[in-house]
Amino acid sequence: MQKVRTKTGNHNTLSAIPAFALYGETAEPGQELLHIEEVQSRSSLYQWEISPHVHKGLYQVLWVNAGTVKFALDTVEHSHQGPLAIVVPPGVVHGFRFAPGTDGLVLTLSARFMVEGEFRTVGEAFRTAFASAAVLPLATEALASSRLSALLRNLADEFSLPSSTDSPVVLWLARAVVWHLAQIRPAPSDSRSNRALRQRTQFTRFLVLIEEHFLEHWSLEQYAARMGLTTQRLNRLVRDVNGQSALEVVHERLTREACRRLRYIAAPVANLASEMGFDDAAYFSRFFKKRTGLTPLEYRLGRNLETPKTGQAGAH
């Protein structure tokens, strides 16, 4: 996973609620993030106030270990002291006003980091943890609070290491955080009827199906049929949640897998292409170059200064 920075965005619009990848930084459709930072690192730049905004396709956990935070989730305003966790799914408008010196962390991630690999149990925990926006005060839950705090601190420490781009530990710890959040949050009451929740649940299911079948080169019709949707509805769902077409999401997964195998497996390109379900090595090369700007051989020879369309990056 590569660390990627995005461009500074303009959030002084009056026509719409601003959408960011990271607070103050331009969002890109389908951007992949896994990032954690101290509350003070960004909030102190804005006088400890983060104005209302949304993230499209990104999930966020705000952990306040000590200090007071006033915040809004959509139309509901809150005020709490730490320790507490605030869970923010995509599309939920949120803003924060922290007491100066607040001690906490902000974890931002996209769903695909949770479902690639050991996707079955983690995917279910992910759906539970982010079923809806939630406030989890943990002042009376000492064990849950200490475990979650320790996991997030360990994650922040690992993320800050120069070697974190090649380490699986960051992803493992992020999954552990999501798992624990799923265990401690109460079951949502009537949120199951919420359209945004249904969309997020269906999108996560789509990612899980991709993880199971992308090497088989399933068609969009196959994915849609398995989900009980038409291809038009599937595309509309993915665009609403992630800002991309369904096919683009599938091709991104194939591209990430190709990058990993070219980097770590010393087999001929033709063999790797065959193992990834491409009948024609020349077609695989064209597909890869169209997606990355490099031929498979150029990528393997070390010209991959950045792995295209994958990454860790920074957020509020």
Protein backbone atom coordinates (compact mmCIF):
# COMPACT_ATOMS: atom_id res chain seq x y z
CA MET A 1 0.00 0.00 0.00
CA GLN A 2 1.36 3.37 -1.01
CA LYS A 3 1.02 6.61 0.92
CA VAL A 4 -0.70 9.14 -1.31
CA ARG A 5 -1.39 12.80 -0.79
CA THR A 6 -4.27 14.64 -2.43
CA LYS A 7 -4.63 18.24 -3.58
CA THR A 8 -5.85 21.00 -1.35
CA GLY A 9 -9.58 21.55 -1.81
CA ASN A 10 -11.84 24.58 -1.56
CA HIS A 11 -14.44 24.07 1.16
CA ASN A 12 -15.94 27.59 1.04
CA THR A 13 -18.82 26.59 -1.24
CA LEU A 14 -22.35 27.71 -0.41
CA SER A 15 -24.08 25.50 -2.98
CA ALA A 16 -23.34 22.12 -1.40
CA ILE A 17 -21.90 20.45 1.68
CA PRO A 18 -18.18 20.07 0.99
CA ALA A 19 -16.89 16.57 0.29
CA PHE A 20 -13.29 15.71 1.14
CA ALA A 21 -10.96 12.75 1.08
CA LEU A 22 -9.22 14.37 4.05
CA TYR A 23 -10.55 17.52 5.64
CA GLY A 24 -9.48 20.40 3.40
CA GLU A 25 -8.23 18.08 0.64
CA THR A 26 -9.96 17.25 -2.63
CA ALA A 27 -11.90 14.00 -2.85
CA GLU A 28 -11.36 11.75 -5.86
CA PRO A 29 -13.95 9.19 -7.05
CA GLY A 30 -13.16 5.76 -5.67
CA GLN A 31 -10.07 6.93 -3.81
CA GLU A 32 -8.56 4.23 -1.62
CA LEU A 33 -7.40 5.33 1.81
CA LEU A 34 -6.14 3.77 4.97
CA HIS A 35 -4.86 6.50 7.24
CA ILE A 36 -4.62 7.37 10.92
CA GLU A 37 -3.52 10.62 12.54
CA GLU A 38 -3.66 12.47 15.85
CA VAL A 39 -6.71 14.69 16.36
CA GLN A 40 -4.46 17.68 17.08
CA SER A 41 -2.34 17.29 13.91
CA ARG A 42 -5.11 18.63 11.69
CA SER A 43 -7.64 20.19 14.07
CA SER A 44 -5.13 22.55 15.65
CA LEU A 45 -4.59 24.09 12.19
CA TYR A 46 -8.27 25.07 12.15
CA GLN A 47 -8.54 26.41 15.73
CA TRP A 48 -9.72 22.97 16.86
CA GLU A 49 -12.87 23.19 14.73
CA ILE A 50 -13.66 20.94 11.76
CA SER A 51 -16.57 22.38 9.77
CA PRO A 52 -19.43 20.11 8.59
CA HIS A 53 -18.48 17.98 5.59
CA VAL A 54 -18.91 14.49 4.12
CA HIS A 55 -16.71 11.69 2.81
CA LYS A 56 -17.88 9.69 -0.19
CA GLY A 57 -16.95 6.02 -0.10
CA LEU A 58 -14.83 6.49 3.04
CA TYR A 59 -15.46 5.30 6.59
CA GLN A 60 -14.17 7.09 9.66
CA VAL A 61 -13.60 6.36 13.34
CA LEU A 62 -12.85 9.25 15.69
CA TRP A 63 -11.36 8.10 18.99
CA VAL A 64 -11.28 10.65 21.82
CA ASN A 65 -9.14 9.35 24.65
CA ALA A 66 -9.31 12.49 26.81
CA GLY A 67 -10.93 15.86 26.27
CA THR A 68 -14.31 17.24 25.27
CA VAL A 69 -15.77 17.27 21.78
CA LYS A 70 -18.93 18.90 20.49
CA PHE A 71 -20.07 17.48 17.18
CA ALA A 72 -22.92 16.98 14.75
CA LEU A 73 -23.85 13.81 12.88
CA ASP A 74 -26.28 14.82 10.15
CA THR A 75 -28.93 16.85 12.04
CA VAL A 76 -28.19 15.59 15.57
CA GLU A 77 -25.80 17.53 17.82
CA HIS A 78 -23.81 15.93 20.65
CA SER A 79 -21.35 16.85 23.36
CA HIS A 80 -19.21 14.22 25.11
CA GLN A 81 -16.03 13.75 27.07
CA GLY A 82 -13.58 10.98 26.32
CA PRO A 83 -13.13 8.16 26.24
CA LEU A 84 -15.51 7.61 23.34
CA ALA A 85 -15.58 6.41 19.74
CA ILE A 86 -17.56 8.11 16.98
CA VAL A 87 -18.36 5.99 13.92
CA VAL A 88 -19.07 7.85 10.67
CA PRO A 89 -20.16 5.94 7.53
CA PRO A 90 -19.89 7.52 4.06
CA GLY A 91 -22.35 10.28 3.25
CA VAL A 92 -23.03 11.29 6.87
CA VAL A 93 -22.51 15.01 7.40
CA HIS A 94 -20.24 15.56 10.38
CA GLY A 95 -18.33 18.39 12.04
CA PHE A 96 -16.34 18.67 15.28
CA ARG A 97 -15.32 21.29 17.82
CA PHE A 98 -12.60 20.00 20.11
CA ALA A 99 -11.40 21.40 23.41
CA PRO A 100 -7.80 22.55 22.83
CA GLY A 101 -5.37 19.80 23.66
CA THR A 102 -7.86 16.97 23.06
CA ASP A 103 -6.07 13.62 22.95
CA GLY A 104 -7.38 11.32 20.26
CA LEU A 105 -6.96 9.69 16.86
CA VAL A 106 -8.82 9.68 13.55
CA LEU A 107 -8.89 6.52 11.44
CA THR A 108 -10.09 6.80 7.83
CA LEU A 109 -10.43 3.85 5.47
CA SER A 110 -12.24 2.54 2.44
CA ALA A 111 -14.18 -0.71 2.42
CA ARG A 112 -11.87 -2.66 0.15
CA PHE A 113 -9.12 -2.68 2.79
CA MET A 114 -11.51 -4.60 5.01
CA VAL A 115 -12.73 -7.22 2.54
CA GLU A 116 -9.61 -8.22 0.62
CA GLY A 117 -8.11 -11.48 1.85
CA GLU A 118 -9.86 -12.70 5.00
CA PHE A 119 -13.07 -11.08 3.90
CA ARG A 120 -15.84 -13.28 5.31
CA THR A 121 -15.76 -12.56 9.04
CA VAL A 122 -14.17 -9.14 8.66
CA GLY A 123 -16.77 -8.11 6.09
CA GLU A 124 -19.57 -8.97 8.51
CA ALA A 125 -17.87 -7.04 11.31
CA PHE A 126 -17.40 -4.11 8.93
CA ARG A 127 -21.12 -4.04 8.10
CA THR A 128 -21.99 -4.16 11.80
CA ALA A 129 -19.51 -1.51 12.89
CA PHE A 130 -20.59 0.96 10.21
CA ALA A 131 -24.29 0.08 9.99
CA SER A 132 -25.07 3.69 10.86
CA ALA A 133 -23.47 6.72 12.47
CA ALA A 134 -22.92 5.98 16.15
CA VAL A 135 -21.57 7.50 19.34
CA LEU A 136 -20.00 4.99 21.72
CA PRO A 137 -19.21 6.53 25.15
CA LEU A 138 -16.83 4.19 26.94
CA ALA A 139 -16.23 5.92 30.28
CA THR A 140 -17.90 3.01 32.13
CA GLU A 141 -16.39 0.33 29.86
CA ALA A 142 -12.81 0.30 31.05
CA LEU A 143 -11.78 -2.96 29.34
CA ALA A 144 -13.32 -2.10 25.96
CA SER A 145 -11.87 1.41 26.16
CA SER A 146 -8.35 0.24 26.96
CA ARG A 147 -8.38 -2.40 24.23
CA LEU A 148 -9.61 -0.01 21.57
CA SER A 149 -7.17 2.69 22.66
CA ALA A 150 -4.25 0.26 22.58
CA LEU A 151 -5.16 -1.04 19.12
CA LEU A 152 -5.47 2.46 17.69
CA ARG A 153 -2.18 3.59 19.28
CA ASN A 154 -0.41 0.52 17.90
CA LEU A 155 -1.96 1.19 14.50
CA ALA A 156 -0.77 4.82 14.57
CA ASP A 157 2.74 3.72 15.53
CA GLU A 158 2.91 1.15 12.73
CA PHE A 159 1.47 3.59 10.20
CA SER A 160 4.15 6.16 10.98
CA LEU A 161 6.99 3.76 10.15
CA PRO A 162 8.69 4.18 6.75
CA SER A 163 8.18 0.45 6.13
CA SER A 164 4.40 0.63 6.64
CA THR A 165 3.72 0.75 2.89
CA ASP A 166 4.97 -2.84 2.57
CA SER A 167 3.77 -4.16 5.93
CA PRO A 168 0.53 -6.10 6.43
CA VAL A 169 0.48 -5.10 10.11
CA VAL A 170 -1.32 -1.80 9.42
CA LEU A 171 -4.15 -3.64 7.71
CA TRP A 172 -4.33 -6.32 10.42
CA LEU A 173 -4.59 -3.70 13.15
CA ALA A 174 -7.22 -1.72 11.24
CA ARG A 175 -9.28 -4.88 10.90
CA ALA A 176 -8.88 -5.55 14.62
CA VAL A 177 -10.19 -2.05 15.37
CA VAL A 178 -13.26 -2.65 13.19
CA TRP A 179 -13.80 -6.05 14.81
CA HIS A 180 -13.80 -4.56 18.31
CA LEU A 181 -16.12 -1.74 17.27
CA ALA A 182 -18.58 -4.32 15.95
CA GLN A 183 -18.48 -6.11 19.31
CA ILE A 184 -19.14 -3.06 21.46
CA ARG A 185 -21.67 -1.07 19.45
CA PRO A 186 -25.37 -1.69 20.15
CA ALA A 187 -27.52 -3.09 17.38
CA PRO A 188 -29.19 -0.31 15.36
CA SER A 189 -32.93 0.01 15.93
CA ASP A 190 -34.76 1.19 12.85
CA SER A 191 -31.70 2.07 10.77
CA ARG A 192 -32.15 -1.07 8.66
CA SER A 193 -34.84 0.78 6.72
CA ASN A 194 -32.44 3.57 5.88
CA ARG A 195 -31.66 3.73 2.14
CA ALA A 196 -28.05 4.81 2.67
CA LEU A 197 -27.48 1.85 5.01
CA ARG A 198 -28.91 -0.57 2.46
CA GLN A 199 -26.66 0.89 -0.21
CA ARG A 200 -23.53 0.56 1.95
CA THR A 201 -24.45 -3.02 2.84
CA GLN A 202 -24.99 -3.92 -0.81
CA PHE A 203 -21.74 -2.23 -1.84
CA THR A 204 -19.81 -4.22 0.77
CA ARG A 205 -21.46 -7.39 -0.53
CA PHE A 206 -20.31 -6.43 -4.04
CA LEU A 207 -16.73 -6.04 -2.81
CA VAL A 208 -16.92 -9.45 -1.13
CA LEU A 209 -18.16 -11.04 -4.37
CA ILE A 210 -15.33 -9.37 -6.30
CA GLU A 211 -12.85 -10.80 -3.83
CA GLU A 212 -14.26 -14.28 -4.40
CA HIS A 213 -14.56 -14.16 -8.19
CA PHE A 214 -12.34 -11.48 -9.77
CA LEU A 215 -9.76 -14.07 -10.89
CA GLU A 216 -12.59 -15.88 -12.70
CA HIS A 217 -13.30 -12.67 -14.63
CA TRP A 218 -16.97 -12.65 -13.78
CA SER A 219 -19.07 -10.36 -15.94
CA LEU A 220 -21.08 -7.51 -14.43
CA GLU A 221 -24.17 -9.54 -15.31
CA GLN A 222 -22.94 -12.36 -13.06
CA TYR A 223 -22.24 -10.02 -10.15
CA ALA A 224 -25.59 -8.30 -10.57
CA ALA A 225 -27.49 -11.58 -10.83
CA ARG A 226 -25.86 -12.92 -7.64
CA MET A 227 -26.95 -9.74 -5.85
CA GLY A 228 -30.46 -9.84 -7.29
CA LEU A 229 -29.94 -6.62 -9.27
CA THR A 230 -29.84 -5.53 -12.88
CA THR A 231 -26.50 -4.29 -14.20
CA GLN A 232 -28.00 -0.79 -14.39
CA ARG A 233 -28.98 -0.89 -10.71
CA LEU A 234 -25.58 -2.29 -9.76
CA ASN A 235 -23.82 0.54 -11.58
CA ARG A 236 -26.10 3.12 -9.98
CA LEU A 237 -25.45 1.63 -6.53
CA VAL A 238 -21.65 1.67 -6.95
CA ARG A 239 -21.65 5.23 -8.32
CA ASP A 240 -23.82 6.46 -5.43
CA VAL A 241 -21.53 4.93 -2.80
CA ASN A 242 -18.10 5.08 -4.41
CA GLY A 243 -18.27 7.49 -7.36
CA GLN A 244 -17.19 4.87 -9.91
CA SER A 245 -18.72 2.39 -12.29
CA ALA A 246 -18.96 -1.22 -11.15
CA LEU A 247 -16.56 -2.31 -13.90
CA GLU A 248 -13.97 0.23 -12.75
CA VAL A 249 -14.05 -1.26 -9.23
CA VAL A 250 -13.54 -4.77 -10.66
CA HIS A 251 -10.67 -3.61 -12.86
CA GLU A 252 -9.01 -1.84 -9.93
CA ARG A 253 -8.98 -5.12 -8.02
CA LEU A 254 -7.41 -6.95 -10.97
CA THR A 255 -4.81 -4.19 -11.30
CA ARG A 256 -3.87 -4.32 -7.62
CA GLU A 257 -3.45 -8.09 -7.81
CA ALA A 258 -1.30 -7.79 -10.92
CA CYS A 259 0.93 -5.19 -9.20
CA ARG A 260 1.38 -7.42 -6.17
CA ARG A 261 2.27 -10.51 -8.21
CA LEU A 262 4.64 -8.63 -10.50
CA ARG A 263 6.40 -7.21 -7.48
CA TYR A 264 6.65 -10.31 -5.31
CA ILE A 265 6.48 -13.35 -7.62
CA ALA A 266 9.46 -14.00 -9.89
CA ALA A 267 7.53 -15.83 -12.62
CA PRO A 268 7.30 -14.92 -16.31
CA VAL A 269 4.68 -12.32 -17.12
CA ALA A 270 2.85 -14.80 -19.34
CA ASN A 271 2.55 -17.24 -16.43
CA LEU A 272 1.21 -14.56 -14.10
CA ALA A 273 -1.28 -13.48 -16.74
CA SER A 274 -2.55 -17.04 -17.06
CA GLU A 275 -2.81 -17.47 -13.28
CA MET A 276 -4.90 -14.29 -13.15
CA GLY A 277 -7.35 -15.62 -15.73
CA PHE A 278 -6.07 -13.83 -18.83
CA ASP A 279 -6.01 -16.22 -21.80
CA ASP A 280 -3.79 -13.89 -23.80
CA ALA A 281 -0.59 -12.44 -22.28
CA ALA A 282 -0.61 -9.63 -24.85
CA TYR A 283 -4.10 -8.60 -23.77
CA PHE A 284 -2.97 -8.67 -20.13
CA SER A 285 -0.10 -6.34 -21.02
CA ARG A 286 -2.44 -3.93 -22.80
CA PHE A 287 -4.88 -4.03 -19.89
CA PHE A 288 -2.09 -3.35 -17.38
CA LYS A 289 -0.54 -0.50 -19.37
CA LYS A 290 -3.92 1.16 -19.88
CA ARG A 291 -4.52 1.03 -16.15
CA THR A 292 -1.05 2.02 -14.91
CA GLY A 293 0.77 3.72 -17.78
CA LEU A 294 3.49 1.05 -17.57
CA THR A 295 4.02 -2.33 -19.20
CA PRO A 296 4.22 -5.26 -16.76
CA LEU A 297 7.97 -5.50 -17.41
CA GLU A 298 8.53 -1.79 -16.77
CA TYR A 299 6.62 -2.08 -13.51
CA ARG A 300 8.62 -5.12 -12.44
CA LEU A 301 11.95 -3.49 -13.26
CA GLY A 302 11.38 -0.88 -10.61
CA ARG A 303 9.72 1.99 -12.42
CA ASN A 304 6.74 1.64 -10.08
CA LEU A 305 7.47 4.63 -7.87
CA GLU A 306 3.77 4.66 -7.05
CA THR A 307 1.33 1.79 -7.34
CA PRO A 308 -1.53 3.35 -9.32
CA LYS A 309 -4.94 3.65 -7.70
CA THR A 310 -3.94 1.99 -4.43
CA GLY A 311 -2.82 3.53 -1.22
CA GLN A 312 -2.73 4.81 2.26
CA ALA A 313 -3.27 8.48 2.70
CA GLY A 314 -4.10 11.00 5.24
CA ALA A 315 -8.00 12.58 7.08
CA HIS A 316 -10.72 14.25 9.03
